[in-house]
C-alpha atoms as a PDB file:
ATOM      1  CA  UNK A   1      72.407  86.033  90.672  1.00  0.00           C
ATOM      2  CA  UNK A   2      71.305  83.299  92.914  1.00  0.00           C
ATOM      3  CA  UNK A   3      68.019  84.485  92.576  1.00  0.00           C
ATOM      4  CA  UNK A   4      67.967  84.630  88.864  1.00  0.00           C
ATOM      5  CA  UNK A   5      69.029  81.402  88.447  1.00  0.00           C
ATOM      6  CA  UNK A   6      66.092  79.879  91.099  1.00  0.00           C
ATOM      7  CA  UNK A   7      63.797  82.075  89.068  1.00  0.00           C
ATOM      8  CA  UNK A   8      65.055  80.511  85.511  1.00  0.00           C
ATOM      9  CA  UNK A   9      64.615  76.731  87.116  1.00  0.00           C
ATOM     10  CA  UNK A  10      61.257  77.726  88.420  1.00  0.00           C
ATOM     11  CA  UNK A  11      60.276  78.864  84.941  1.00  0.00           C
ATOM     12  CA  UNK A  12      62.102  75.546  83.331  1.00  0.00           C
ATOM     13  CA  UNK A  13      60.186  73.237  86.110  1.00  0.00           C
ATOM     14  CA  UNK A  14      56.896  75.200  85.034  1.00  0.00           C
ATOM     15  CA  UNK A  15      57.642  74.747  80.736  1.00  0.00           C
ATOM     16  CA  UNK A  16      58.087  70.843  81.677  1.00  0.00           C
ATOM     17  CA  UNK A  17      54.918  70.556  84.072  1.00  0.00           C
ATOM     18  CA  UNK A  18      52.645  72.387  81.394  1.00  0.00           C
ATOM     19  CA  UNK A  19      53.885  69.915  78.781  1.00  0.00           C
ATOM     20  CA  UNK A  20      52.946  67.084  80.751  1.00  0.00           C
ATOM     21  CA  UNK A  21      49.769  69.038  81.726  1.00  0.00           C
ATOM     22  CA  UNK A  22      48.961  68.898  77.793  1.00  0.00           C
ATOM     23  CA  UNK A  23      49.413  65.092  78.229  1.00  0.00           C
ATOM     24  CA  UNK A  24      46.824  64.771  80.812  1.00  0.00           C
ATOM     25  CA  UNK A  25      44.684  66.867  78.868  1.00  0.00           C
ATOM     26  CA  UNK A  26      44.734  65.007  75.898  1.00  0.00           C
ATOM     27  CA  UNK A  27      44.648  61.672  77.565  1.00  0.00           C
ATOM     28  CA  UNK A  28      41.224  62.507  79.858  1.00  0.00           C
ATOM     29  CA  UNK A  29      39.338  62.286  76.479  1.00  0.00           C
ATOM     30  CA  UNK A  30      40.840  59.149  75.177  1.00  0.00           C
ATOM     31  CA  UNK A  31      40.713  57.590  78.494  1.00  0.00           C
ATOM     32  CA  UNK A  32      44.533  56.577  78.369  1.00  0.00           C
ATOM     33  CA  UNK A  33      46.652  56.499  80.983  1.00  0.00           C
ATOM     34  CA  UNK A  34      48.498  59.740  82.241  1.00  0.00           C
ATOM     35  CA  UNK A  35      51.571  58.067  83.373  1.00  0.00           C
ATOM     36  CA  UNK A  36      51.619  55.487  80.881  1.00  0.00           C
ATOM     37  CA  UNK A  37      53.116  54.980  77.396  1.00  0.00           C
ATOM     38  CA  UNK A  38      55.211  57.118  75.194  1.00  0.00           C
ATOM     39  CA  UNK A  39      53.851  60.184  73.943  1.00  0.00           C
ATOM     40  CA  UNK A  40      52.922  60.331  70.303  1.00  0.00           C
ATOM     41  CA  UNK A  41      51.459  62.414  67.449  1.00  0.00           C
ATOM     42  CA  UNK A  42      47.725  62.586  67.639  1.00  0.00           C
ATOM     43  CA  UNK A  43      47.901  62.982  63.982  1.00  0.00           C
ATOM     44  CA  UNK A  44      50.115  59.780  62.596  1.00  0.00           C
ATOM     45  CA  UNK A  45      50.431  58.132  66.056  1.00  0.00           C
ATOM     46  CA  UNK A  46      54.132  57.694  65.711  1.00  0.00           C
ATOM     47  CA  UNK A  47      55.611  58.038  68.841  1.00  0.00           C
ATOM     48  CA  UNK A  48      58.092  61.017  69.569  1.00  0.00           C
ATOM     49  CA  UNK A  49      61.439  61.148  70.240  1.00  0.00           C
ATOM     50  CA  UNK A  50      63.205  63.297  73.113  1.00  0.00           C
ATOM     51  CA  UNK A  51      63.931  66.050  70.545  1.00  0.00           C
ATOM     52  CA  UNK A  52      60.028  66.609  70.162  1.00  0.00           C
ATOM     53  CA  UNK A  53      59.024  66.862  73.596  1.00  0.00           C
ATOM     54  CA  UNK A  54      61.509  69.791  74.373  1.00  0.00           C
ATOM     55  CA  UNK A  55      58.693  72.290  75.793  1.00  0.00           C
ATOM     56  CA  UNK A  56      57.955  75.439  73.408  1.00  0.00           C
ATOM     57  CA  UNK A  57      61.623  74.795  71.757  1.00  0.00           C
ATOM     58  CA  UNK A  58      60.572  71.619  69.672  1.00  0.00           C
ATOM     59  CA  UNK A  59      57.522  73.522  68.871  1.00  0.00           C
ATOM     60  CA  UNK A  60      59.654  76.707  67.489  1.00  0.00           C
ATOM     61  CA  UNK A  61      62.384  74.407  65.549  1.00  0.00           C
ATOM     62  CA  UNK A  62      59.471  72.093  63.959  1.00  0.00           C
ATOM     63  CA  UNK A  63      57.849  75.265  62.735  1.00  0.00           C
ATOM     64  CA  UNK A  64      54.549  74.164  64.049  1.00  0.00           C
ATOM     65  CA  UNK A  65      54.645  70.402  62.201  1.00  0.00           C
ATOM     66  CA  UNK A  66      54.795  67.008  63.235  1.00  0.00           C
ATOM     67  CA  UNK A  67      58.759  65.614  62.061  1.00  0.00           C
ATOM     68  CA  UNK A  68      56.977  62.815  61.230  1.00  0.00           C
ATOM     69  CA  UNK A  69      53.617  63.665  59.425  1.00  0.00           C
ATOM     70  CA  UNK A  70      53.868  67.239  58.612  1.00  0.00           C
ATOM     71  CA  UNK A  71      50.911  68.149  60.155  1.00  0.00           C
ATOM     72  CA  UNK A  72      50.193  71.411  62.005  1.00  0.00           C
ATOM     73  CA  UNK A  73      50.508  71.324  65.903  1.00  0.00           C
ATOM     74  CA  UNK A  74      47.815  72.622  67.618  1.00  0.00           C
ATOM     75  CA  UNK A  75      49.126  76.490  69.251  1.00  0.00           C
ATOM     76  CA  UNK A  76      47.762  74.870  73.162  1.00  0.00           C
ATOM     77  CA  UNK A  77      50.654  72.721  73.468  1.00  0.00           C
ATOM     78  CA  UNK A  78      53.200  75.666  73.661  1.00  0.00           C
ATOM     79  CA  UNK A  79      51.265  78.068  74.941  1.00  0.00           C
ATOM     80  CA  UNK A  80      50.194  75.882  77.991  1.00  0.00           C
ATOM     81  CA  UNK A  81      53.634  75.444  78.608  1.00  0.00           C
ATOM     82  CA  UNK A  82      53.937  79.084  78.858  1.00  0.00           C
ATOM     83  CA  UNK A  83      51.217  79.881  81.003  1.00  0.00           C
ATOM     84  CA  UNK A  84      51.939  77.438  83.177  1.00  0.00           C
ATOM     85  CA  UNK A  85      55.770  78.644  83.503  1.00  0.00           C
ATOM     86  CA  UNK A  86      54.668  82.183  84.154  1.00  0.00           C
ATOM     87  CA  UNK A  87      52.162  81.368  86.710  1.00  0.00           C
ATOM     88  CA  UNK A  88      54.462  79.039  89.073  1.00  0.00           C
ATOM     89  CA  UNK A  89      56.915  81.953  88.494  1.00  0.00           C
ATOM     90  CA  UNK A  90      54.602  84.387  89.943  1.00  0.00           C
ATOM     91  CA  UNK A  91      53.241  81.806  92.606  1.00  0.00           C
ATOM     92  CA  UNK A  92      56.655  80.934  94.049  1.00  0.00           C
ATOM     93  CA  UNK A  93      57.769  84.948  94.044  1.00  0.00           C
ATOM     94  CA  UNK A  94      54.327  85.061  96.206  1.00  0.00           C
ATOM     95  CA  UNK A  95      54.624  82.727  99.025  1.00  0.00           C
ATOM     96  CA  UNK A  96      57.429  81.622 101.172  1.00  0.00           C
ATOM     97  CA  UNK A  97      56.160  78.712 102.934  1.00  0.00           C
ATOM     98  CA  UNK A  98      56.906  75.594 100.987  1.00  0.00           C
ATOM     99  CA  UNK A  99      53.434  73.526 102.566  1.00  0.00           C
ATOM    100  CA  UNK A 100      51.637  76.350 100.441  1.00  0.00           C
ATOM    101  CA  UNK A 101      53.465  76.404  97.312  1.00  0.00           C
ATOM    102  CA  UNK A 102      53.252  72.870  96.884  1.00  0.00           C
ATOM    103  CA  UNK A 103      49.581  73.540  97.149  1.00  0.00           C
ATOM    104  CA  UNK A 104      49.160  76.429  95.195  1.00  0.00           C
ATOM    105  CA  UNK A 105      51.424  74.598  92.389  1.00  0.00           C
ATOM    106  CA  UNK A 106      48.847  71.916  92.456  1.00  0.00           C
ATOM    107  CA  UNK A 107      45.681  74.027  92.580  1.00  0.00           C
ATOM    108  CA  UNK A 108      47.010  75.930  89.595  1.00  0.00           C
ATOM    109  CA  UNK A 109      47.582  72.826  87.717  1.00  0.00           C
ATOM    110  CA  UNK A 110      44.232  71.380  88.246  1.00  0.00           C
ATOM    111  CA  UNK A 111      42.817  74.908  87.180  1.00  0.00           C
ATOM    112  CA  UNK A 112      44.936  74.881  83.703  1.00  0.00           C
ATOM    113  CA  UNK A 113      43.792  71.538  83.088  1.00  0.00           C
ATOM    114  CA  UNK A 114      39.899  72.513  83.173  1.00  0.00           C
ATOM    115  CA  UNK A 115      40.709  75.741  81.186  1.00  0.00           C
ATOM    116  CA  UNK A 116      41.758  74.278  78.298  1.00  0.00           C
ATOM    117  CA  UNK A 117      39.355  70.910  78.507  1.00  0.00           C
ATOM    118  CA  UNK A 118      36.548  72.883  78.757  1.00  0.00           C
ATOM    119  CA  UNK A 119      37.714  75.725  75.887  1.00  0.00           C
ATOM    120  CA  UNK A 120      38.098  72.487  73.835  1.00  0.00           C
ATOM    121  CA  UNK A 121      35.374  70.273  74.377  1.00  0.00           C
ATOM    122  CA  UNK A 122      32.687  72.131  76.633  1.00  0.00           C
ATOM    123  CA  UNK A 123      33.047  69.989  80.025  1.00  0.00           C
ATOM    124  CA  UNK A 124      34.291  70.274  83.050  1.00  0.00           C
ATOM    125  CA  UNK A 125      35.763  66.769  83.810  1.00  0.00           C
ATOM    126  CA  UNK A 126      34.933  65.097  87.293  1.00  0.00           C
ATOM    127  CA  UNK A 127      38.363  63.192  87.226  1.00  0.00           C
ATOM    128  CA  UNK A 128      39.933  67.025  87.830  1.00  0.00           C
ATOM    129  CA  UNK A 129      37.402  69.310  89.620  1.00  0.00           C
ATOM    130  CA  UNK A 130      36.707  66.810  92.155  1.00  0.00           C
ATOM    131  CA  UNK A 131      40.265  66.361  93.423  1.00  0.00           C
ATOM    132  CA  UNK A 132      40.925  70.071  93.380  1.00  0.00           C
ATOM    133  CA  UNK A 133      37.955  70.429  95.939  1.00  0.00           C
ATOM    134  CA  UNK A 134      39.220  67.568  97.499  1.00  0.00           C
ATOM    135  CA  UNK A 135      42.518  69.053  97.811  1.00  0.00           C
ATOM    136  CA  UNK A 136      41.879  72.544  98.420  1.00  0.00           C
ATOM    137  CA  UNK A 137      38.591  71.289 101.430  1.00  0.00           C
ATOM    138  CA  UNK A 138      41.599  69.236 103.099  1.00  0.00           C
ATOM    139  CA  UNK A 139      44.476  72.554 102.649  1.00  0.00           C
ATOM    140  CA  UNK A 140      41.452  74.406 104.576  1.00  0.00           C
ATOM    141  CA  UNK A 141      41.086  71.952 107.264  1.00  0.00           C
ATOM    142  CA  UNK A 142      44.500  71.393 108.202  1.00  0.00           C
ATOM    143  CA  UNK A 143      45.865  74.815 107.558  1.00  0.00           C
ATOM    144  CA  UNK A 144      43.118  77.224 108.446  1.00  0.00           C
ATOM    145  CA  UNK A 145      42.418  78.676 111.799  1.00  0.00           C
ATOM    146  CA  UNK A 146      39.834  77.266 113.862  1.00  0.00           C
ATOM    147  CA  UNK A 147      37.177  80.029 112.915  1.00  0.00           C
ATOM    148  CA  UNK A 148      38.491  81.126 109.391  1.00  0.00           C
ATOM    149  CA  UNK A 149      38.064  77.612 108.105  1.00  0.00           C
ATOM    150  CA  UNK A 150      33.896  78.845 108.173  1.00  0.00           C
ATOM    151  CA  UNK A 151      34.646  81.367 105.489  1.00  0.00           C
ATOM    152  CA  UNK A 152      35.603  79.260 102.531  1.00  0.00           C
ATOM    153  CA  UNK A 153      33.006  76.685 103.543  1.00  0.00           C
ATOM    154  CA  UNK A 154      30.501  79.048 103.100  1.00  0.00           C
ATOM    155  CA  UNK A 155      31.697  81.139 100.074  1.00  0.00           C
ATOM    156  CA  UNK A 156      31.574  77.305  98.489  1.00  0.00           C
ATOM    157  CA  UNK A 157      28.332  76.620  99.258  1.00  0.00           C
ATOM    158  CA  UNK A 158      26.792  79.961  98.389  1.00  0.00           C
ATOM    159  CA  UNK A 159      28.766  80.055  95.133  1.00  0.00           C
ATOM    160  CA  UNK A 160      27.822  76.739  94.305  1.00  0.00           C
ATOM    161  CA  UNK A 161      24.283  77.339  95.351  1.00  0.00           C
ATOM    162  CA  UNK A 162      23.944  80.669  92.912  1.00  0.00           C
ATOM    163  CA  UNK A 163      25.273  78.213  89.718  1.00  0.00           C
ATOM    164  CA  UNK A 164      22.782  76.095  90.699  1.00  0.00           C
ATOM    165  CA  UNK A 165      20.182  78.245  90.912  1.00  0.00           C
ATOM    166  CA  UNK A 166      21.231  79.267  87.308  1.00  0.00           C
ATOM    167  CA  UNK A 167      21.472  75.769  86.048  1.00  0.00           C
ATOM    168  CA  UNK A 168      17.813  74.756  87.413  1.00  0.00           C
ATOM    169  CA  UNK A 169      16.052  78.340  86.267  1.00  0.00           C
ATOM    170  CA  UNK A 170      17.400  77.574  83.042  1.00  0.00           C
ATOM    171  CA  UNK A 171      17.154  74.184  82.825  1.00  0.00           C
ATOM    172  CA  UNK A 172      20.735  73.795  82.021  1.00  0.00           C
ATOM    173  CA  UNK A 173      20.630  76.268  79.224  1.00  0.00           C
ATOM    174  CA  UNK A 174      22.696  79.226  80.789  1.00  0.00           C
ATOM    175  CA  UNK A 175      25.172  76.998  82.823  1.00  0.00           C
ATOM    176  CA  UNK A 176      26.090  73.073  83.193  1.00  0.00           C
ATOM    177  CA  UNK A 177      26.470  71.379  86.562  1.00  0.00           C
ATOM    178  CA  UNK A 178      29.937  71.521  85.547  1.00  0.00           C
ATOM    179  CA  UNK A 179      30.120  75.116  86.299  1.00  0.00           C
ATOM    180  CA  UNK A 180      28.322  74.454  89.934  1.00  0.00           C
ATOM    181  CA  UNK A 181      31.094  71.949  90.950  1.00  0.00           C
ATOM    182  CA  UNK A 182      33.749  74.769  89.110  1.00  0.00           C
ATOM    183  CA  UNK A 183      32.175  77.293  92.080  1.00  0.00           C
ATOM    184  CA  UNK A 184      31.756  75.008  95.194  1.00  0.00           C
ATOM    185  CA  UNK A 185      36.062  74.736  94.447  1.00  0.00           C
ATOM    186  CA  UNK A 186      36.381  78.404  93.558  1.00  0.00           C
ATOM    187  CA  UNK A 187      34.631  79.274  96.963  1.00  0.00           C
ATOM    188  CA  UNK A 188      37.064  76.528  98.970  1.00  0.00           C
ATOM    189  CA  UNK A 189      40.121  78.112  97.422  1.00  0.00           C
ATOM    190  CA  UNK A 190      39.816  81.707  97.246  1.00  0.00           C
ATOM    191  CA  UNK A 191      36.966  82.348 100.658  1.00  0.00           C
ATOM    192  CA  UNK A 192      35.432  85.643 101.097  1.00  0.00           C
ATOM    193  CA  UNK A 193      35.646  88.182  99.618  1.00  0.00           C
ATOM    194  CA  UNK A 194      37.893  86.956  96.754  1.00  0.00           C
ATOM    195  CA  UNK A 195      34.980  85.071  95.556  1.00  0.00           C
ATOM    196  CA  UNK A 196      33.111  88.054  94.922  1.00  0.00           C
ATOM    197  CA  UNK A 197      35.757  89.283  92.963  1.00  0.00           C
ATOM    198  CA  UNK A 198      36.587  86.064  90.953  1.00  0.00           C
ATOM    199  CA  UNK A 199      32.874  85.873  90.186  1.00  0.00           C
ATOM    200  CA  UNK A 200      32.275  89.270  88.780  1.00  0.00           C
ATOM    201  CA  UNK A 201      35.106  89.145  86.630  1.00  0.00           C
ATOM    202  CA  UNK A 202      34.392  85.870  85.453  1.00  0.00           C
ATOM    203  CA  UNK A 203      30.927  87.437  84.452  1.00  0.00           C
ATOM    204  CA  UNK A 204      32.181  90.671  83.232  1.00  0.00           C
ATOM    205  CA  UNK A 205      35.268  89.131  80.772  1.00  0.00           C
ATOM    206  CA  UNK A 206      32.809  86.458  79.706  1.00  0.00           C
ATOM    207  CA  UNK A 207      29.992  89.192  78.478  1.00  0.00           C
ATOM    208  CA  UNK A 208      32.709  91.485  76.955  1.00  0.00           C
ATOM    209  CA  UNK A 209      34.472  88.313  74.773  1.00  0.00           C
ATOM    210  CA  UNK A 210      30.735  87.020  74.110  1.00  0.00           C
ATOM    211  CA  UNK A 211      29.315  90.264  72.540  1.00  0.00           C
ATOM    212  CA  UNK A 212      32.733  90.546  70.942  1.00  0.00           C
ATOM    213  CA  UNK A 213      32.314  86.851  69.331  1.00  0.00           C
ATOM    214  CA  UNK A 214      28.411  88.372  68.497  1.00  0.00           C
ATOM    215  CA  UNK A 215      29.684  91.526  66.560  1.00  0.00           C
ATOM    216  CA  UNK A 216      32.354  89.352  64.818  1.00  0.00           C
ATOM    217  CA  UNK A 217      29.960  87.440  63.729  1.00  0.00           C
ATOM    218  CA  UNK A 218      31.961  84.329  65.382  1.00  0.00           C
ATOM    219  CA  UNK A 219      28.902  83.794  67.111  1.00  0.00           C
ATOM    220  CA  UNK A 220      25.109  84.301  67.832  1.00  0.00           C
ATOM    221  CA  UNK A 221      22.622  84.994  71.002  1.00  0.00           C
ATOM    222  CA  UNK A 222      22.237  80.761  70.844  1.00  0.00           C
ATOM    223  CA  UNK A 223      25.554  79.982  70.701  1.00  0.00           C
ATOM    224  CA  UNK A 224      27.251  77.833  73.243  1.00  0.00           C
ATOM    225  CA  UNK A 225      30.072  79.315  74.734  1.00  0.00           C
ATOM    226  CA  UNK A 226      31.917  77.481  77.859  1.00  0.00           C
ATOM    227  CA  UNK A 227      32.219  79.448  80.915  1.00  0.00           C
ATOM    228  CA  UNK A 228      34.924  77.300  83.059  1.00  0.00           C
ATOM    229  CA  UNK A 229      37.542  79.331  81.362  1.00  0.00           C
ATOM    230  CA  UNK A 230      36.321  83.351  82.323  1.00  0.00           C
ATOM    231  CA  UNK A 231      35.732  81.222  86.029  1.00  0.00           C
ATOM    232  CA  UNK A 232      39.584  80.190  86.225  1.00  0.00           C
ATOM    233  CA  UNK A 233      40.567  83.126  84.484  1.00  0.00           C
ATOM    234  CA  UNK A 234      38.813  85.059  87.197  1.00  0.00           C
ATOM    235  CA  UNK A 235      39.873  82.903  90.051  1.00  0.00           C
ATOM    236  CA  UNK A 236      43.233  83.648  88.970  1.00  0.00           C
ATOM    237  CA  UNK A 237      43.260  87.524  89.044  1.00  0.00           C
ATOM    238  CA  UNK A 238      41.011  87.224  92.438  1.00  0.00           C
ATOM    239  CA  UNK A 239      44.200  85.027  93.442  1.00  0.00           C
ATOM    240  CA  UNK A 240      46.937  87.549  92.694  1.00  0.00           C
ATOM    241  CA  UNK A 241      45.224  90.994  92.638  1.00  0.00           C
ATOM    242  CA  UNK A 242      41.980  90.189  94.701  1.00  0.00           C
ATOM    243  CA  UNK A 243      42.787  92.286  97.988  1.00  0.00           C
ATOM    244  CA  UNK A 244      44.043  95.052  95.697  1.00  0.00           C
ATOM    245  CA  UNK A 245      40.704  95.217  93.959  1.00  0.00           C
ATOM    246  CA  UNK A 246      38.690  95.034  96.985  1.00  0.00           C
ATOM    247  CA  UNK A 247      40.500  98.311  98.419  1.00  0.00           C
ATOM    248  CA  UNK A 248      40.404 100.245  95.209  1.00  0.00           C
ATOM    249  CA  UNK A 249      36.399  99.165  95.077  1.00  0.00           C
ATOM    250  CA  UNK A 250      35.590 100.391  98.721  1.00  0.00           C
ATOM    251  CA  UNK A 251      37.745 103.294  98.153  1.00  0.00           C
ATOM    252  CA  UNK A 252      35.908 104.652  95.524  1.00  0.00           C
ATOM    253  CA  UNK A 253      33.334 105.385  98.513  1.00  0.00           C
ATOM    254  CA  UNK A 254      35.553 106.340 101.101  1.00  0.00           C
END
């Protein structure tokens, strides 16, 4: 019973943080402060009251419409809240060290922001990816063993170099510089061999979705598709299942 209550509160905490992440995602574009000023409707600019800001529940009660102007509310808001809550709960179940838990929760927030922002605006914001790189580096520096810290650093260098080559060869047509920075973070966060798992999954999932969009007529071969969301999806899968995927792969050759 106590564990169930604890899990419930972690889930609620994730929903609340997800609501705050939605605020950050919106205000990154407008340049407003993340911490000051009340939330408001992006269409009619009316300030929202507390009953409009209950994660997921307000969205359902209001039937996806603003209480004041009746404009439709984006599905982004409940989806980000739910995704954050689920990821927080999974992280809580997978770690027992408080310091590591705080670090992973913070990193997951960075990843969720980048995922949504790149999906919406085709940009990986420096205001998010640089703090993510700095946080991952500090954690590896102070929590990693003397020789093990070389593994994530080398993974970061090689991953970012790989993407940098793609950017230079394509002159920015296939990848952007933001992907290079995100790859550097992924290497620091995941280390080896999980960085390989994340990159493979990112390209694999990206290829499948890209082909699907082309066949559905929603995109063409020349259409721009943000790659950051695929990298982040690969990062989450590699973090939670990287060892199992690696073991399964090598078992095929034994």
